[in-house]
Amino acid sequence: MPYLTQLAQVARRTGYPVTEVNGWKTRGHGPQPAVEGIVCHHTAGWHGMHVVCDGRPGLDGPLSQFWLRRDGRIFVVAAGRCWHNAPSTSSHHDNSSSIGIEAENDGRTPWPVTQLDAFHRLCAELCREFGLPASRVKGHKEVNRGKVDPHSIDMGGFRSTVAALIKGGASAPAKGKPYKPQVENGAVPGFRRTLRVAMPLVEGNDVATWQHGARRFVPGLAIDGLYGPASRKACEQVQRTVGIPVNGVVNAETWLLTWIWEPGTKEKK
């Protein structure tokens, strides 16, 4: 089997954003000999795409074909064989016969709904592309006696979701969000904490609440309860509009002005 240069196209069918890492089409420990299974991993740390791509001391990269960021963005790292599972207890899930997906997680933090949905959908699209049943999707912990990843995921339930997606055909990401804005008519929601981009992403109902208010300045801003790059840009737009220092951080002042400022009003002096 040649290098799997269709992987970016397959990833885009999930409906989630895709980044093609420079050089991915020729990256690998030679071409991928076969695709008979998919192995799901967690990274055990944050900001680890460079490790998946380049490896670590004692183990050269690439270490998986995909890196799945916490916000659901899919990074295509390699089209060739990757050192992601050895020794394997399954002949369908060793390095030469399977595709690896490294999902960003420190091994303790709860999985965001968005990332988990992207995980399901990427597995489903890979199964569809390579003619695999959902039963060929395995957790690293299921095909390697020394591993525990992906943490806290019931792989039986995971496969059931993948099977349903395969059966149902291609579909857009789920519209349901894990967090809901908490807003009362005529009242300014209470400020709880400072919101800024961090890893893991700041998330919660208060983030969704602020996003709801920020839509007055940035129509179409996603209300997903995750304070990521899109929310930071929206915050900068709010701050720029009301005339306060622009830093992309929702502090108490930015929170209040998000709710009481009329977007058509002249800037503060």
Protein backbone atom coordinates (compact mmCIF):
# COMPACT_ATOMS: atom_id res chain seq x y z
CA MET A 1 0.00 0.00 0.00
CA PRO A 2 1.39 3.48 -0.85
CA TYR A 3 1.56 6.54 1.36
CA LEU A 4 -2.00 7.40 2.48
CA THR A 5 -2.23 10.80 0.83
CA GLN A 6 -6.04 10.79 1.02
CA LEU A 7 -6.04 11.17 4.82
CA ALA A 8 -6.69 14.93 4.80
CA GLN A 9 -9.68 14.47 2.51
CA VAL A 10 -11.00 11.72 4.78
CA ALA A 11 -10.58 13.95 7.85
CA ARG A 12 -12.49 16.80 6.21
CA ARG A 13 -15.50 14.55 5.77
CA THR A 14 -15.96 14.71 9.55
CA GLY A 15 -17.01 18.35 9.28
CA TYR A 16 -14.31 19.41 11.73
CA PRO A 17 -11.48 21.80 10.81
CA VAL A 18 -8.35 20.15 9.45
CA THR A 19 -4.72 21.29 9.45
CA GLU A 20 -2.24 19.58 7.14
CA VAL A 21 1.14 19.56 8.88
CA ASN A 22 3.90 20.58 6.50
CA GLY A 23 5.45 17.54 4.80
CA TRP A 24 2.83 15.06 5.97
CA LYS A 25 2.35 13.39 2.58
CA THR A 26 5.89 12.01 2.60
CA ARG A 27 6.34 11.62 6.36
CA GLY A 28 6.55 8.11 7.80
CA HIS A 29 8.80 5.15 8.42
CA GLY A 30 8.25 4.10 4.83
CA PRO A 31 4.79 3.69 3.27
CA GLN A 32 1.91 2.20 5.26
CA PRO A 33 1.85 -1.53 4.39
CA ALA A 34 -1.83 -2.08 5.26
CA VAL A 35 -4.83 -0.58 7.05
CA GLU A 36 -6.66 -3.27 8.96
CA GLY A 37 -7.43 -1.36 12.15
CA ILE A 38 -7.46 1.97 13.97
CA VAL A 39 -5.85 2.60 17.36
CA CYS A 40 -7.05 5.42 19.63
CA HIS A 41 -4.53 7.02 21.97
CA HIS A 42 -4.22 9.96 24.34
CA THR A 43 -1.06 12.05 24.35
CA ALA A 44 -0.56 12.21 28.16
CA GLY A 45 0.24 15.92 27.84
CA TRP A 46 -0.67 19.23 26.20
CA HIS A 47 0.70 21.00 23.12
CA GLY A 48 2.23 17.71 21.94
CA MET A 49 1.76 17.80 18.18
CA HIS A 50 5.49 18.29 17.67
CA VAL A 51 6.15 15.10 19.64
CA VAL A 52 3.71 13.13 17.49
CA CYS A 53 5.42 14.54 14.42
CA ASP A 54 9.09 14.42 15.43
CA GLY A 55 9.19 11.78 18.15
CA ARG A 56 10.97 11.79 21.50
CA PRO A 57 14.33 10.54 22.82
CA GLY A 58 14.57 6.86 22.01
CA LEU A 59 11.63 6.83 19.60
CA ASP A 60 11.75 8.65 16.28
CA GLY A 61 8.64 10.26 14.85
CA PRO A 62 6.16 10.19 13.40
CA LEU A 63 4.28 8.49 16.21
CA SER A 64 0.77 8.62 14.73
CA GLN A 65 -0.94 9.65 11.53
CA PHE A 66 -3.25 12.11 13.33
CA TRP A 67 -3.17 14.50 16.28
CA LEU A 68 -6.60 15.53 17.54
CA ARG A 69 -6.60 18.80 19.43
CA ARG A 70 -8.84 19.45 22.41
CA ASP A 71 -11.12 21.78 20.43
CA GLY A 72 -11.79 19.14 17.76
CA ARG A 73 -9.32 20.37 15.13
CA ILE A 74 -7.71 17.45 13.31
CA PHE A 75 -4.02 17.66 12.40
CA VAL A 76 -2.82 15.32 9.64
CA VAL A 77 0.74 14.44 10.62
CA ALA A 78 1.87 11.56 8.43
CA ALA A 79 0.79 9.47 5.44
CA GLY A 80 3.23 6.65 6.07
CA ARG A 81 3.84 4.10 8.80
CA CYS A 82 4.05 5.44 12.35
CA TRP A 83 5.44 4.00 15.58
CA HIS A 84 2.23 4.16 17.62
CA ASN A 85 1.63 0.63 18.90
CA ALA A 86 4.29 -1.97 19.66
CA PRO A 87 4.23 -4.63 20.80
CA SER A 88 0.64 -5.23 19.77
CA THR A 89 -1.56 -8.04 21.00
CA SER A 90 -3.54 -7.82 17.73
CA SER A 91 -2.18 -8.53 14.26
CA HIS A 92 -4.67 -5.99 12.90
CA HIS A 93 -3.41 -3.17 15.13
CA ASP A 94 0.37 -3.12 14.93
CA ASN A 95 2.34 -0.33 13.29
CA SER A 96 2.32 -1.98 9.90
CA SER A 97 -1.41 -2.67 9.78
CA SER A 98 -3.15 0.22 11.55
CA ILE A 99 -3.64 3.96 11.72
CA GLY A 100 -3.00 5.81 14.98
CA ILE A 101 -4.91 8.81 16.33
CA GLU A 102 -3.29 10.74 19.19
CA ALA A 103 -5.95 12.77 21.03
CA GLU A 104 -4.69 15.65 23.16
CA ASN A 105 -5.29 14.86 26.84
CA ASP A 106 -3.11 14.63 29.95
CA GLY A 107 -4.64 11.33 30.97
CA ARG A 108 -6.77 12.87 33.73
CA THR A 109 -8.83 15.72 32.33
CA PRO A 110 -12.44 14.98 31.27
CA TRP A 111 -12.92 14.78 27.51
CA PRO A 112 -14.69 17.79 25.95
CA VAL A 113 -17.81 16.79 24.05
CA THR A 114 -16.50 18.48 20.90
CA GLN A 115 -13.23 16.54 20.92
CA LEU A 116 -14.96 13.24 21.65
CA ASP A 117 -17.41 13.82 18.80
CA ALA A 118 -14.51 14.54 16.44
CA PHE A 119 -12.81 11.37 17.68
CA HIS A 120 -15.90 9.28 16.86
CA ARG A 121 -16.35 10.87 13.45
CA LEU A 122 -12.73 10.55 12.40
CA CYS A 123 -12.78 6.85 13.27
CA ALA A 124 -16.04 6.40 11.36
CA GLU A 125 -14.70 8.11 8.25
CA LEU A 126 -11.50 6.05 8.37
CA CYS A 127 -13.55 2.86 8.67
CA ARG A 128 -15.63 3.95 5.71
CA GLU A 129 -12.56 4.81 3.64
CA PHE A 130 -10.74 1.54 4.27
CA GLY A 131 -13.74 -0.78 4.43
CA LEU A 132 -13.40 -1.60 8.13
CA PRO A 133 -16.13 -2.50 10.63
CA ALA A 134 -16.38 -0.49 13.84
CA SER A 135 -15.06 -3.54 15.69
CA ARG A 136 -11.62 -2.79 14.22
CA VAL A 137 -11.46 0.49 16.21
CA LYS A 138 -9.51 -0.24 19.39
CA GLY A 139 -8.15 1.69 22.31
CA HIS A 140 -4.40 1.49 22.83
CA LYS A 141 -5.18 -0.15 26.19
CA GLU A 142 -6.99 -2.96 24.36
CA VAL A 143 -4.15 -3.95 22.04
CA ASN A 144 -1.10 -3.30 24.21
CA ARG A 145 -0.76 -4.81 27.69
CA GLY A 146 1.32 -1.93 28.99
CA LYS A 147 -1.01 0.94 28.08
CA VAL A 148 -4.00 2.65 29.71
CA ASP A 149 -5.06 5.10 27.01
CA PRO A 150 -7.38 6.59 26.05
CA HIS A 151 -8.27 7.16 29.69
CA SER A 152 -11.86 6.83 30.97
CA ILE A 153 -13.34 6.03 27.55
CA ASP A 154 -15.53 2.93 27.41
CA MET A 155 -14.34 1.56 24.10
CA GLY A 156 -17.41 -0.64 23.71
CA GLY A 157 -19.63 2.43 23.82
CA PHE A 158 -17.16 4.30 21.64
CA ARG A 159 -17.43 1.60 18.96
CA SER A 160 -21.22 1.64 19.18
CA THR A 161 -21.20 5.35 18.34
CA VAL A 162 -18.75 4.77 15.48
CA ALA A 163 -20.94 1.96 14.14
CA ALA A 164 -24.00 4.22 14.21
CA LEU A 165 -22.11 6.91 12.30
CA ILE A 166 -20.96 4.41 9.67
CA LYS A 167 -24.50 3.12 9.26
CA GLY A 168 -26.00 6.59 9.11
CA GLY A 169 -23.60 7.88 6.47
CA ALA A 170 -21.74 11.16 6.47
CA SER A 171 -23.26 13.85 8.65
CA ALA A 172 -22.34 17.19 10.14
CA PRO A 173 -20.93 17.42 13.67
CA ALA A 174 -23.53 17.31 16.41
CA LYS A 175 -25.18 20.66 17.03
CA GLY A 176 -25.86 20.00 20.68
CA LYS A 177 -23.41 21.82 22.94
CA PRO A 178 -22.24 20.66 26.36
CA TYR A 179 -22.77 24.07 27.97
CA LYS A 180 -25.67 26.51 27.95
CA PRO A 181 -25.71 30.26 28.57
CA GLN A 182 -27.31 31.28 31.85
CA VAL A 183 -29.07 34.56 31.13
CA GLU A 184 -32.06 36.26 32.70
CA ASN A 185 -33.93 38.94 30.77
CA GLY A 186 -32.84 42.41 31.81
CA ALA A 187 -30.09 41.21 34.15
CA VAL A 188 -26.32 41.25 33.76
CA PRO A 189 -25.03 37.72 34.51
CA GLY A 190 -22.65 37.53 37.43
CA PHE A 191 -18.92 37.51 36.73
CA ARG A 192 -17.29 34.35 38.16
CA ARG A 193 -13.73 34.19 36.88
CA THR A 194 -11.30 35.56 34.32
CA LEU A 195 -11.52 33.86 30.92
CA ARG A 196 -8.42 33.45 28.76
CA VAL A 197 -6.98 30.97 26.27
CA ALA A 198 -5.15 28.22 28.12
CA MET A 199 -4.46 24.49 27.90
CA PRO A 200 -6.56 22.71 28.82
CA LEU A 201 -9.16 25.09 27.42
CA VAL A 202 -11.21 27.03 29.95
CA GLU A 203 -14.74 25.69 29.67
CA GLY A 204 -18.10 25.94 31.40
CA ASN A 205 -21.52 27.55 31.47
CA ASP A 206 -19.96 30.92 32.28
CA VAL A 207 -17.97 30.77 29.03
CA ALA A 208 -21.15 29.99 27.10
CA THR A 209 -22.87 32.87 28.91
CA TRP A 210 -20.16 35.33 27.88
CA GLN A 211 -20.23 34.00 24.30
CA HIS A 212 -23.97 34.63 24.22
CA GLY A 213 -23.41 38.27 25.18
CA ALA A 214 -20.47 38.68 22.79
CA ARG A 215 -22.69 37.73 19.87
CA ARG A 216 -24.03 41.30 20.02
CA PHE A 217 -20.59 42.35 18.77
CA VAL A 218 -19.62 39.24 16.78
CA PRO A 219 -22.70 37.66 15.17
CA GLY A 220 -22.28 33.95 14.58
CA LEU A 221 -19.81 33.37 17.43
CA ALA A 222 -20.18 29.73 18.49
CA ILE A 223 -21.72 29.19 21.92
CA ASP A 224 -19.83 26.02 22.80
CA GLY A 225 -18.62 26.77 26.31
CA LEU A 226 -14.96 26.56 25.26
CA TYR A 227 -12.74 29.65 25.49
CA GLY A 228 -10.51 29.07 22.47
CA PRO A 229 -8.99 31.22 19.71
CA ALA A 230 -12.39 32.22 18.27
CA SER A 231 -13.55 33.48 21.67
CA ARG A 232 -10.30 35.37 22.18
CA LYS A 233 -10.76 37.14 18.83
CA ALA A 234 -14.34 37.96 19.78
CA CYS A 235 -13.13 39.35 23.10
CA GLU A 236 -10.60 41.52 21.29
CA GLN A 237 -13.41 42.82 19.07
CA VAL A 238 -15.51 43.68 22.13
CA GLN A 239 -12.58 45.45 23.78
CA ARG A 240 -11.71 47.32 20.60
CA THR A 241 -15.31 48.43 20.16
CA VAL A 242 -15.76 49.75 23.70
CA GLY A 243 -12.32 51.36 23.82
CA ILE A 244 -10.56 49.43 26.57
CA PRO A 245 -7.15 47.71 26.39
CA VAL A 246 -7.21 44.88 23.86
CA ASN A 247 -5.74 41.68 25.29
CA GLY A 248 -8.28 38.94 24.52
CA VAL A 249 -8.89 38.29 28.22
CA VAL A 250 -12.39 38.54 29.69
CA ASN A 251 -11.86 40.25 33.04
CA ALA A 252 -14.57 41.84 35.18
CA GLU A 253 -14.60 45.07 33.15
CA THR A 254 -14.82 43.30 29.79
CA TRP A 255 -17.55 41.01 31.14
CA LEU A 256 -19.68 43.95 32.31
CA LEU A 257 -19.21 46.01 29.15
CA THR A 258 -20.05 42.99 26.99
CA TRP A 259 -23.54 43.13 28.49
CA ILE A 260 -24.25 46.84 29.01
CA TRP A 261 -22.53 48.43 26.02
CA GLU A 262 -24.53 49.06 22.88
CA PRO A 263 -22.36 48.10 19.88
CA GLY A 264 -23.36 51.27 18.02
CA THR A 265 -22.20 53.56 20.84
CA LYS A 266 -19.07 55.69 20.47
CA GLU A 267 -15.93 54.41 22.13
CA LYS A 268 -15.02 55.36 25.69
CA LYS A 269 -12.74 58.38 26.12
